[in-house]
Amino acid sequence: FGIGTADPEKSGRSLQSWSSFSMLQLKEIFYVANIIDYGRILALYWAIRSSDGLTFAMYYSISYLLDCIDGYAARALNQESRLGYYLDMVIDRVSSCLCLHYAAKSVLEGNTCFTGTSALLVAFALRGLMVLVEIIAHSSVMFLSEVLGVHQKQMGYDYAIVRKYLSDKKYLFWSCLSFELFGLSLVVKHAASKYVMLLALPGFVFRAAANICRLIAIITKKELRRWNSLREDEQGTSGSTGSREKVRRGSSDRLGIHRAASPQSAQVVRRRSRSESQ
């Protein structure tokens, strides 16, 4: 009655491919770089459970130091993976939000040099940055990168501050380290905290301003128009790579060299260029 039978050979190949894929996914769980990220989660958990600012800062710093080495481990051992990419991305955002949240909490509790109205304003600014920069701006960047195929390191490049932030590792290192030190200086109740805070303030403001500029470029759709123009220019060069910087896998907005640029296999949607679709 026209009922066909499945090709045993084809079915066997499909089953074998699926089995290999499943084993690879399972293997990724035990990658050294991913185990380091599990350590970051544990350190952040103990930071939350801590009863004083100094203990919080200690566990938070352990998580941060692990963040500095997981990318190196992934590349050195050839263990870049979809799981590792998203683990790193999510933990980075959770970590930054925790730092800002507990900094604002410490300010409101009167553990810093800010009092009265100034304490309210500082706490409001910190929590505003937590939402605007760490959640909205970074989520928008990740959406454009993973779904629309826009390179992270090209977003907001029309702004000089963004070019400095993403292209110069010295600025990137300085601003990201300043962000961590500024938050922790508000959490830790110590006589030297205010001096650390003042020292870290310029870099903290620089990082916030750069990410807000990236968000403005996205909201105004300026970035999408620019990216479409770049793609058309690339296609007009007959396959030439041109002078535009190639985004290097493993670059990040943390300490310069990390895992925040996803491997191709980790991207949610791979958008085909016009030349590929024709």
C-alpha atoms as a PDB file:
ATOM      1  CA  PHE A   1       0.000   0.000   0.000  1.00  0.00           C
ATOM      2  CA  GLY A   2       2.962   2.330  -0.599  1.00  0.00           C
ATOM      3  CA  ILE A   3       4.254   2.096   2.973  1.00  0.00           C
ATOM      4  CA  GLY A   4       8.027   2.438   2.758  1.00  0.00           C
ATOM      5  CA  THR A   5      10.551   0.815   5.047  1.00  0.00           C
ATOM      6  CA  ALA A   6      13.333   2.763   6.733  1.00  0.00           C
ATOM      7  CA  ASP A   7      16.825   2.369   5.369  1.00  0.00           C
ATOM      8  CA  PRO A   8      18.670   0.369   8.082  1.00  0.00           C
ATOM      9  CA  GLU A   9      22.034   1.771   7.027  1.00  0.00           C
ATOM     10  CA  LYS A  10      20.800   5.364   7.169  1.00  0.00           C
ATOM     11  CA  SER A  11      19.088   4.796  10.513  1.00  0.00           C
ATOM     12  CA  GLY A  12      22.257   3.240  11.885  1.00  0.00           C
ATOM     13  CA  ARG A  13      24.324   6.248  10.825  1.00  0.00           C
ATOM     14  CA  SER A  14      21.815   8.648  12.408  1.00  0.00           C
ATOM     15  CA  LEU A  15      21.826   6.687  15.655  1.00  0.00           C
ATOM     16  CA  GLN A  16      25.605   6.604  15.680  1.00  0.00           C
ATOM     17  CA  SER A  17      25.815  10.353  15.034  1.00  0.00           C
ATOM     18  CA  TRP A  18      23.349  11.091  17.823  1.00  0.00           C
ATOM     19  CA  SER A  19      25.235   8.799  20.188  1.00  0.00           C
ATOM     20  CA  SER A  20      28.539  10.529  19.381  1.00  0.00           C
ATOM     21  CA  PHE A  21      26.943  13.945  19.883  1.00  0.00           C
ATOM     22  CA  SER A  22      25.460  12.908  23.240  1.00  0.00           C
ATOM     23  CA  MET A  23      28.801  11.535  24.420  1.00  0.00           C
ATOM     24  CA  LEU A  24      30.520  14.781  23.406  1.00  0.00           C
ATOM     25  CA  GLN A  25      27.944  16.830  25.317  1.00  0.00           C
ATOM     26  CA  LEU A  26      28.413  14.621  28.375  1.00  0.00           C
ATOM     27  CA  LYS A  27      32.180  14.884  28.080  1.00  0.00           C
ATOM     28  CA  GLU A  28      31.970  18.691  28.125  1.00  0.00           C
ATOM     29  CA  ILE A  29      30.594  18.560  31.676  1.00  0.00           C
ATOM     30  CA  PHE A  30      33.983  17.285  32.866  1.00  0.00           C
ATOM     31  CA  TYR A  31      36.164  19.714  30.916  1.00  0.00           C
ATOM     32  CA  VAL A  32      38.758  21.297  33.210  1.00  0.00           C
ATOM     33  CA  ALA A  33      37.633  24.820  32.278  1.00  0.00           C
ATOM     34  CA  ASN A  34      34.026  23.961  33.151  1.00  0.00           C
ATOM     35  CA  ILE A  35      35.058  22.391  36.456  1.00  0.00           C
ATOM     36  CA  ILE A  36      36.781  25.692  37.236  1.00  0.00           C
ATOM     37  CA  ASP A  37      33.455  27.420  36.577  1.00  0.00           C
ATOM     38  CA  TYR A  38      31.722  25.064  39.013  1.00  0.00           C
ATOM     39  CA  GLY A  39      34.292  26.249  41.526  1.00  0.00           C
ATOM     40  CA  ARG A  40      33.284  29.834  40.761  1.00  0.00           C
ATOM     41  CA  ILE A  41      29.646  28.999  41.525  1.00  0.00           C
ATOM     42  CA  LEU A  42      30.661  27.416  44.832  1.00  0.00           C
ATOM     43  CA  ALA A  43      32.799  30.432  45.775  1.00  0.00           C
ATOM     44  CA  LEU A  44      29.929  32.825  45.005  1.00  0.00           C
ATOM     45  CA  TYR A  45      27.584  30.667  47.084  1.00  0.00           C
ATOM     46  CA  TRP A  46      29.896  30.954  50.091  1.00  0.00           C
ATOM     47  CA  ALA A  47      30.234  34.692  49.449  1.00  0.00           C
ATOM     48  CA  ILE A  48      26.451  35.050  49.728  1.00  0.00           C
ATOM     49  CA  ARG A  49      26.442  32.950  52.894  1.00  0.00           C
ATOM     50  CA  SER A  50      29.161  35.060  54.522  1.00  0.00           C
ATOM     51  CA  SER A  51      28.289  37.131  57.574  1.00  0.00           C
ATOM     52  CA  ASP A  52      30.645  40.059  57.039  1.00  0.00           C
ATOM     53  CA  GLY A  53      32.038  42.123  54.186  1.00  0.00           C
ATOM     54  CA  LEU A  54      35.598  40.857  54.483  1.00  0.00           C
ATOM     55  CA  THR A  55      34.549  37.217  54.128  1.00  0.00           C
ATOM     56  CA  PHE A  56      32.311  38.149  51.197  1.00  0.00           C
ATOM     57  CA  ALA A  57      35.243  39.881  49.505  1.00  0.00           C
ATOM     58  CA  MET A  58      37.502  36.860  50.097  1.00  0.00           C
ATOM     59  CA  TYR A  59      35.148  34.338  48.463  1.00  0.00           C
ATOM     60  CA  TYR A  60      34.192  36.778  45.724  1.00  0.00           C
ATOM     61  CA  SER A  61      37.880  37.336  44.927  1.00  0.00           C
ATOM     62  CA  ILE A  62      38.427  33.572  44.698  1.00  0.00           C
ATOM     63  CA  SER A  63      35.608  33.370  42.149  1.00  0.00           C
ATOM     64  CA  TYR A  64      37.128  36.291  40.254  1.00  0.00           C
ATOM     65  CA  LEU A  65      40.595  34.724  40.165  1.00  0.00           C
ATOM     66  CA  LEU A  66      39.091  31.486  38.840  1.00  0.00           C
ATOM     67  CA  ASP A  67      37.388  33.589  36.179  1.00  0.00           C
ATOM     68  CA  CYS A  68      40.807  34.795  35.077  1.00  0.00           C
ATOM     69  CA  ILE A  69      42.119  31.294  34.391  1.00  0.00           C
ATOM     70  CA  ASP A  70      39.191  29.311  32.971  1.00  0.00           C
ATOM     71  CA  GLY A  71      39.599  30.822  29.509  1.00  0.00           C
ATOM     72  CA  TYR A  72      43.318  30.013  29.452  1.00  0.00           C
ATOM     73  CA  ALA A  73      42.529  26.443  30.502  1.00  0.00           C
ATOM     74  CA  ALA A  74      39.871  26.085  27.791  1.00  0.00           C
ATOM     75  CA  ARG A  75      42.265  27.190  25.052  1.00  0.00           C
ATOM     76  CA  ALA A  76      45.350  25.387  26.357  1.00  0.00           C
ATOM     77  CA  LEU A  77      43.476  22.073  26.584  1.00  0.00           C
ATOM     78  CA  ASN A  78      41.388  22.679  23.447  1.00  0.00           C
ATOM     79  CA  GLN A  79      38.234  22.445  25.560  1.00  0.00           C
ATOM     80  CA  GLU A  80      36.154  25.382  24.291  1.00  0.00           C
ATOM     81  CA  SER A  81      32.519  24.344  24.370  1.00  0.00           C
ATOM     82  CA  ARG A  82      28.942  25.539  24.211  1.00  0.00           C
ATOM     83  CA  LEU A  83      28.444  24.641  27.879  1.00  0.00           C
ATOM     84  CA  GLY A  84      31.597  26.485  28.942  1.00  0.00           C
ATOM     85  CA  TYR A  85      30.683  29.578  26.962  1.00  0.00           C
ATOM     86  CA  TYR A  86      27.242  29.927  28.497  1.00  0.00           C
ATOM     87  CA  LEU A  87      28.444  28.979  31.982  1.00  0.00           C
ATOM     88  CA  ASP A  88      31.044  31.713  31.822  1.00  0.00           C
ATOM     89  CA  MET A  89      28.608  34.279  30.446  1.00  0.00           C
ATOM     90  CA  VAL A  90      25.923  33.633  33.072  1.00  0.00           C
ATOM     91  CA  ILE A  91      28.344  33.438  36.008  1.00  0.00           C
ATOM     92  CA  ASP A  92      29.986  36.708  34.933  1.00  0.00           C
ATOM     93  CA  ARG A  93      26.643  38.507  34.993  1.00  0.00           C
ATOM     94  CA  VAL A  94      25.536  36.949  38.280  1.00  0.00           C
ATOM     95  CA  SER A  95      28.904  37.818  39.815  1.00  0.00           C
ATOM     96  CA  SER A  96      28.749  41.454  38.707  1.00  0.00           C
ATOM     97  CA  CYS A  97      25.152  41.831  39.899  1.00  0.00           C
ATOM     98  CA  LEU A  98      26.047  40.373  43.298  1.00  0.00           C
ATOM     99  CA  CYS A  99      28.947  42.785  43.662  1.00  0.00           C
ATOM    100  CA  LEU A 100      26.750  45.813  42.906  1.00  0.00           C
ATOM    101  CA  HIS A 101      23.869  44.538  45.038  1.00  0.00           C
ATOM    102  CA  TYR A 102      25.980  43.965  48.126  1.00  0.00           C
ATOM    103  CA  ALA A 103      27.808  47.270  47.579  1.00  0.00           C
ATOM    104  CA  ALA A 104      24.449  49.092  47.533  1.00  0.00           C
ATOM    105  CA  LYS A 105      23.304  47.129  50.592  1.00  0.00           C
ATOM    106  CA  SER A 106      26.445  48.098  52.495  1.00  0.00           C
ATOM    107  CA  VAL A 107      25.954  51.763  51.592  1.00  0.00           C
ATOM    108  CA  LEU A 108      22.360  51.734  52.836  1.00  0.00           C
ATOM    109  CA  GLU A 109      23.399  50.033  56.080  1.00  0.00           C
ATOM    110  CA  GLY A 110      25.805  52.874  56.824  1.00  0.00           C
ATOM    111  CA  ASN A 111      29.007  50.854  56.467  1.00  0.00           C
ATOM    112  CA  THR A 112      30.663  53.342  54.108  1.00  0.00           C
ATOM    113  CA  CYS A 113      31.636  57.005  54.065  1.00  0.00           C
ATOM    114  CA  PHE A 114      28.267  57.888  52.504  1.00  0.00           C
ATOM    115  CA  THR A 115      25.489  59.018  54.811  1.00  0.00           C
ATOM    116  CA  GLY A 116      21.981  60.399  54.539  1.00  0.00           C
ATOM    117  CA  THR A 117      20.931  61.568  51.085  1.00  0.00           C
ATOM    118  CA  SER A 118      24.297  60.739  49.523  1.00  0.00           C
ATOM    119  CA  ALA A 119      23.932  57.115  50.646  1.00  0.00           C
ATOM    120  CA  LEU A 120      20.506  56.887  49.017  1.00  0.00           C
ATOM    121  CA  LEU A 121      21.808  58.389  45.770  1.00  0.00           C
ATOM    122  CA  VAL A 122      24.861  56.111  45.633  1.00  0.00           C
ATOM    123  CA  ALA A 123      22.783  52.997  46.358  1.00  0.00           C
ATOM    124  CA  PHE A 124      20.264  54.031  43.697  1.00  0.00           C
ATOM    125  CA  ALA A 125      23.085  54.555  41.166  1.00  0.00           C
ATOM    126  CA  LEU A 126      24.637  51.179  41.950  1.00  0.00           C
ATOM    127  CA  ARG A 127      21.369  49.292  41.556  1.00  0.00           C
ATOM    128  CA  GLY A 128      20.536  51.311  38.464  1.00  0.00           C
ATOM    129  CA  LEU A 129      23.841  50.261  36.897  1.00  0.00           C
ATOM    130  CA  MET A 130      23.159  46.668  37.902  1.00  0.00           C
ATOM    131  CA  VAL A 131      19.960  46.708  35.853  1.00  0.00           C
ATOM    132  CA  LEU A 132      21.047  49.006  33.015  1.00  0.00           C
ATOM    133  CA  VAL A 133      24.591  47.743  32.394  1.00  0.00           C
ATOM    134  CA  GLU A 134      24.872  44.235  33.786  1.00  0.00           C
ATOM    135  CA  ILE A 135      21.417  43.001  32.751  1.00  0.00           C
ATOM    136  CA  ILE A 136      19.999  45.111  29.904  1.00  0.00           C
ATOM    137  CA  ALA A 137      23.185  46.192  28.102  1.00  0.00           C
ATOM    138  CA  HIS A 138      24.973  42.850  28.311  1.00  0.00           C
ATOM    139  CA  SER A 139      21.818  40.900  27.442  1.00  0.00           C
ATOM    140  CA  SER A 140      21.317  43.093  24.377  1.00  0.00           C
ATOM    141  CA  VAL A 141      24.925  42.558  23.307  1.00  0.00           C
ATOM    142  CA  MET A 142      24.572  38.800  23.703  1.00  0.00           C
ATOM    143  CA  PHE A 143      21.303  38.746  21.750  1.00  0.00           C
ATOM    144  CA  LEU A 144      22.804  40.634  18.817  1.00  0.00           C
ATOM    145  CA  SER A 145      25.913  38.466  18.895  1.00  0.00           C
ATOM    146  CA  GLU A 146      24.295  35.053  19.263  1.00  0.00           C
ATOM    147  CA  VAL A 147      21.043  35.498  17.339  1.00  0.00           C
ATOM    148  CA  LEU A 148      21.757  38.196  14.742  1.00  0.00           C
ATOM    149  CA  GLY A 149      25.431  37.393  14.230  1.00  0.00           C
ATOM    150  CA  VAL A 150      26.843  40.832  15.100  1.00  0.00           C
ATOM    151  CA  HIS A 151      30.397  40.716  16.405  1.00  0.00           C
ATOM    152  CA  GLN A 152      30.567  41.725  20.074  1.00  0.00           C
ATOM    153  CA  LYS A 153      33.787  43.665  19.595  1.00  0.00           C
ATOM    154  CA  GLN A 154      32.240  45.811  16.864  1.00  0.00           C
ATOM    155  CA  MET A 155      29.200  47.007  18.832  1.00  0.00           C
ATOM    156  CA  GLY A 156      29.200  50.738  19.496  1.00  0.00           C
ATOM    157  CA  TYR A 157      32.539  51.211  17.740  1.00  0.00           C
ATOM    158  CA  ASP A 158      31.496  54.668  16.545  1.00  0.00           C
ATOM    159  CA  TYR A 159      32.102  55.849  20.118  1.00  0.00           C
ATOM    160  CA  ALA A 160      35.735  56.537  21.011  1.00  0.00           C
ATOM    161  CA  ILE A 161      35.224  55.292  24.567  1.00  0.00           C
ATOM    162  CA  VAL A 162      33.951  51.936  23.272  1.00  0.00           C
ATOM    163  CA  ARG A 163      36.928  51.587  20.926  1.00  0.00           C
ATOM    164  CA  LYS A 164      39.278  52.178  23.850  1.00  0.00           C
ATOM    165  CA  TYR A 165      37.325  49.789  26.058  1.00  0.00           C
ATOM    166  CA  LEU A 166      37.286  46.876  23.614  1.00  0.00           C
ATOM    167  CA  SER A 167      40.457  47.306  21.563  1.00  0.00           C
ATOM    168  CA  ASP A 168      43.042  48.351  24.127  1.00  0.00           C
ATOM    169  CA  LYS A 169      43.736  45.605  26.666  1.00  0.00           C
ATOM    170  CA  LYS A 170      45.245  48.089  29.088  1.00  0.00           C
ATOM    171  CA  TYR A 171      41.985  50.036  29.271  1.00  0.00           C
ATOM    172  CA  LEU A 172      39.968  46.832  29.456  1.00  0.00           C
ATOM    173  CA  PHE A 173      42.071  45.450  32.293  1.00  0.00           C
ATOM    174  CA  TRP A 174      42.036  48.745  34.177  1.00  0.00           C
ATOM    175  CA  SER A 175      38.292  49.325  33.876  1.00  0.00           C
ATOM    176  CA  CYS A 176      37.252  45.777  34.766  1.00  0.00           C
ATOM    177  CA  LEU A 177      39.614  45.547  37.720  1.00  0.00           C
ATOM    178  CA  SER A 178      38.394  48.973  38.872  1.00  0.00           C
ATOM    179  CA  PHE A 179      34.807  47.753  38.726  1.00  0.00           C
ATOM    180  CA  GLU A 180      35.581  44.878  41.084  1.00  0.00           C
ATOM    181  CA  LEU A 181      37.690  46.988  43.451  1.00  0.00           C
ATOM    182  CA  PHE A 182      35.091  49.760  43.621  1.00  0.00           C
ATOM    183  CA  GLY A 183      32.308  47.353  44.564  1.00  0.00           C
ATOM    184  CA  LEU A 184      34.395  45.453  47.098  1.00  0.00           C
ATOM    185  CA  SER A 185      35.686  48.664  48.685  1.00  0.00           C
ATOM    186  CA  LEU A 186      32.087  49.516  49.560  1.00  0.00           C
ATOM    187  CA  VAL A 187      31.398  46.035  50.919  1.00  0.00           C
ATOM    188  CA  VAL A 188      34.493  45.767  53.117  1.00  0.00           C
ATOM    189  CA  LYS A 189      34.334  47.927  56.235  1.00  0.00           C
ATOM    190  CA  HIS A 190      37.920  49.123  56.605  1.00  0.00           C
ATOM    191  CA  ALA A 191      39.703  52.423  57.115  1.00  0.00           C
ATOM    192  CA  ALA A 192      41.480  52.089  53.749  1.00  0.00           C
ATOM    193  CA  SER A 193      38.295  51.288  51.819  1.00  0.00           C
ATOM    194  CA  LYS A 194      37.523  54.897  50.888  1.00  0.00           C
ATOM    195  CA  TYR A 195      40.988  55.320  49.358  1.00  0.00           C
ATOM    196  CA  VAL A 196      40.562  52.169  47.283  1.00  0.00           C
ATOM    197  CA  MET A 197      37.126  53.427  46.235  1.00  0.00           C
ATOM    198  CA  LEU A 198      38.516  56.777  45.071  1.00  0.00           C
ATOM    199  CA  LEU A 199      41.350  55.046  43.225  1.00  0.00           C
ATOM    200  CA  ALA A 200      38.919  52.695  41.436  1.00  0.00           C
ATOM    201  CA  LEU A 201      36.219  55.277  40.693  1.00  0.00           C
ATOM    202  CA  PRO A 202      37.570  56.526  37.309  1.00  0.00           C
ATOM    203  CA  GLY A 203      37.823  53.007  35.891  1.00  0.00           C
ATOM    204  CA  PHE A 204      34.404  52.100  37.286  1.00  0.00           C
ATOM    205  CA  VAL A 205      32.834  55.124  35.569  1.00  0.00           C
ATOM    206  CA  PHE A 206      34.747  54.417  32.344  1.00  0.00           C
ATOM    207  CA  ARG A 207      33.413  50.847  32.151  1.00  0.00           C
ATOM    208  CA  ALA A 208      29.855  51.923  32.902  1.00  0.00           C
ATOM    209  CA  ALA A 209      29.984  54.713  30.300  1.00  0.00           C
ATOM    210  CA  ALA A 210      31.389  52.392  27.610  1.00  0.00           C
ATOM    211  CA  ASN A 211      28.644  49.819  28.147  1.00  0.00           C
ATOM    212  CA  ILE A 212      25.915  52.481  28.221  1.00  0.00           C
ATOM    213  CA  CYS A 213      27.229  53.810  24.880  1.00  0.00           C
ATOM    214  CA  ARG A 214      26.969  50.289  23.457  1.00  0.00           C
ATOM    215  CA  LEU A 215      23.384  50.101  24.699  1.00  0.00           C
ATOM    216  CA  ILE A 216      22.562  53.483  23.115  1.00  0.00           C
ATOM    217  CA  ALA A 217      23.963  52.247  19.794  1.00  0.00           C
ATOM    218  CA  ILE A 218      21.721  49.181  20.021  1.00  0.00           C
ATOM    219  CA  ILE A 219      18.570  51.044  21.092  1.00  0.00           C
ATOM    220  CA  THR A 220      18.909  53.602  18.295  1.00  0.00           C
ATOM    221  CA  LYS A 221      19.531  50.746  15.807  1.00  0.00           C
ATOM    222  CA  LYS A 222      22.712  52.561  14.851  1.00  0.00           C
ATOM    223  CA  GLU A 223      24.671  49.374  15.388  1.00  0.00           C
ATOM    224  CA  LEU A 224      22.490  47.276  13.083  1.00  0.00           C
ATOM    225  CA  ARG A 225      22.749  49.831  10.279  1.00  0.00           C
ATOM    226  CA  ARG A 226      26.512  49.981  10.725  1.00  0.00           C
ATOM    227  CA  TRP A 227      26.808  46.197  10.772  1.00  0.00           C
ATOM    228  CA  ASN A 228      24.745  45.828   7.579  1.00  0.00           C
ATOM    229  CA  SER A 229      27.011  48.381   5.922  1.00  0.00           C
ATOM    230  CA  LEU A 230      30.114  46.459   7.023  1.00  0.00           C
ATOM    231  CA  ARG A 231      28.707  43.206   5.637  1.00  0.00           C
ATOM    232  CA  GLU A 232      27.985  44.845   2.291  1.00  0.00           C
ATOM    233  CA  ASP A 233      31.526  46.251   2.179  1.00  0.00           C
ATOM    234  CA  GLU A 234      32.963  42.807   2.950  1.00  0.00           C
ATOM    235  CA  GLN A 235      30.915  41.175   0.217  1.00  0.00           C
ATOM    236  CA  GLY A 236      32.132  43.835  -2.209  1.00  0.00           C
ATOM    237  CA  THR A 237      35.766  42.924  -1.597  1.00  0.00           C
ATOM    238  CA  SER A 238      35.338  39.480  -3.214  1.00  0.00           C
ATOM    239  CA  GLY A 239      36.116  37.530  -0.087  1.00  0.00           C
ATOM    240  CA  SER A 240      38.918  39.769   1.111  1.00  0.00           C
ATOM    241  CA  THR A 241      39.183  40.021   4.877  1.00  0.00           C
ATOM    242  CA  GLY A 242      39.847  43.761   4.694  1.00  0.00           C
ATOM    243  CA  SER A 243      41.260  45.812   7.534  1.00  0.00           C
ATOM    244  CA  ARG A 244      38.474  45.186  10.005  1.00  0.00           C
ATOM    245  CA  GLU A 245      39.616  43.465  13.167  1.00  0.00           C
ATOM    246  CA  LYS A 246      38.674  39.817  13.332  1.00  0.00           C
ATOM    247  CA  VAL A 247      36.998  38.934  16.580  1.00  0.00           C
ATOM    248  CA  ARG A 248      39.254  36.502  18.411  1.00  0.00           C
ATOM    249  CA  ARG A 249      37.588  33.628  20.198  1.00  0.00           C
ATOM    250  CA  GLY A 250      38.247  33.977  23.890  1.00  0.00           C
ATOM    251  CA  SER A 251      38.032  37.759  24.169  1.00  0.00           C
ATOM    252  CA  SER A 252      35.995  39.179  27.012  1.00  0.00           C
ATOM    253  CA  ASP A 253      34.895  42.232  28.915  1.00  0.00           C
ATOM    254  CA  ARG A 254      36.434  40.908  32.117  1.00  0.00           C
ATOM    255  CA  LEU A 255      40.242  40.879  32.159  1.00  0.00           C
ATOM    256  CA  GLY A 256      41.034  41.015  28.472  1.00  0.00           C
ATOM    257  CA  ILE A 257      41.507  37.394  27.423  1.00  0.00           C
ATOM    258  CA  HIS A 258      38.693  35.082  28.299  1.00  0.00           C
ATOM    259  CA  ARG A 259      35.736  33.109  26.923  1.00  0.00           C
ATOM    260  CA  ALA A 260      33.087  35.721  26.190  1.00  0.00           C
ATOM    261  CA  ALA A 261      33.257  35.449  22.408  1.00  0.00           C
ATOM    262  CA  SER A 262      31.404  32.263  21.659  1.00  0.00           C
ATOM    263  CA  PRO A 263      32.766  29.501  19.436  1.00  0.00           C
ATOM    264  CA  GLN A 264      30.772  29.030  16.237  1.00  0.00           C
ATOM    265  CA  SER A 265      29.241  25.839  17.597  1.00  0.00           C
ATOM    266  CA  ALA A 266      27.845  27.759  20.566  1.00  0.00           C
ATOM    267  CA  GLN A 267      25.886  30.293  18.558  1.00  0.00           C
ATOM    268  CA  VAL A 268      22.128  29.962  18.717  1.00  0.00           C
ATOM    269  CA  VAL A 269      21.526  30.964  15.114  1.00  0.00           C
ATOM    270  CA  ARG A 270      24.093  31.213  12.381  1.00  0.00           C
ATOM    271  CA  ARG A 271      22.889  33.786   9.872  1.00  0.00           C
ATOM    272  CA  ARG A 272      23.960  33.107   6.319  1.00  0.00           C
ATOM    273  CA  SER A 273      25.379  35.874   4.198  1.00  0.00           C
ATOM    274  CA  ARG A 274      23.761  36.756   0.883  1.00  0.00           C
ATOM    275  CA  SER A 275      26.523  35.051  -1.061  1.00  0.00           C
ATOM    276  CA  GLU A 276      25.910  31.804   0.851  1.00  0.00           C
ATOM    277  CA  SER A 277      22.149  31.894   0.345  1.00  0.00           C
ATOM    278  CA  GLN A 278      22.386  32.383  -3.421  1.00  0.00           C
END
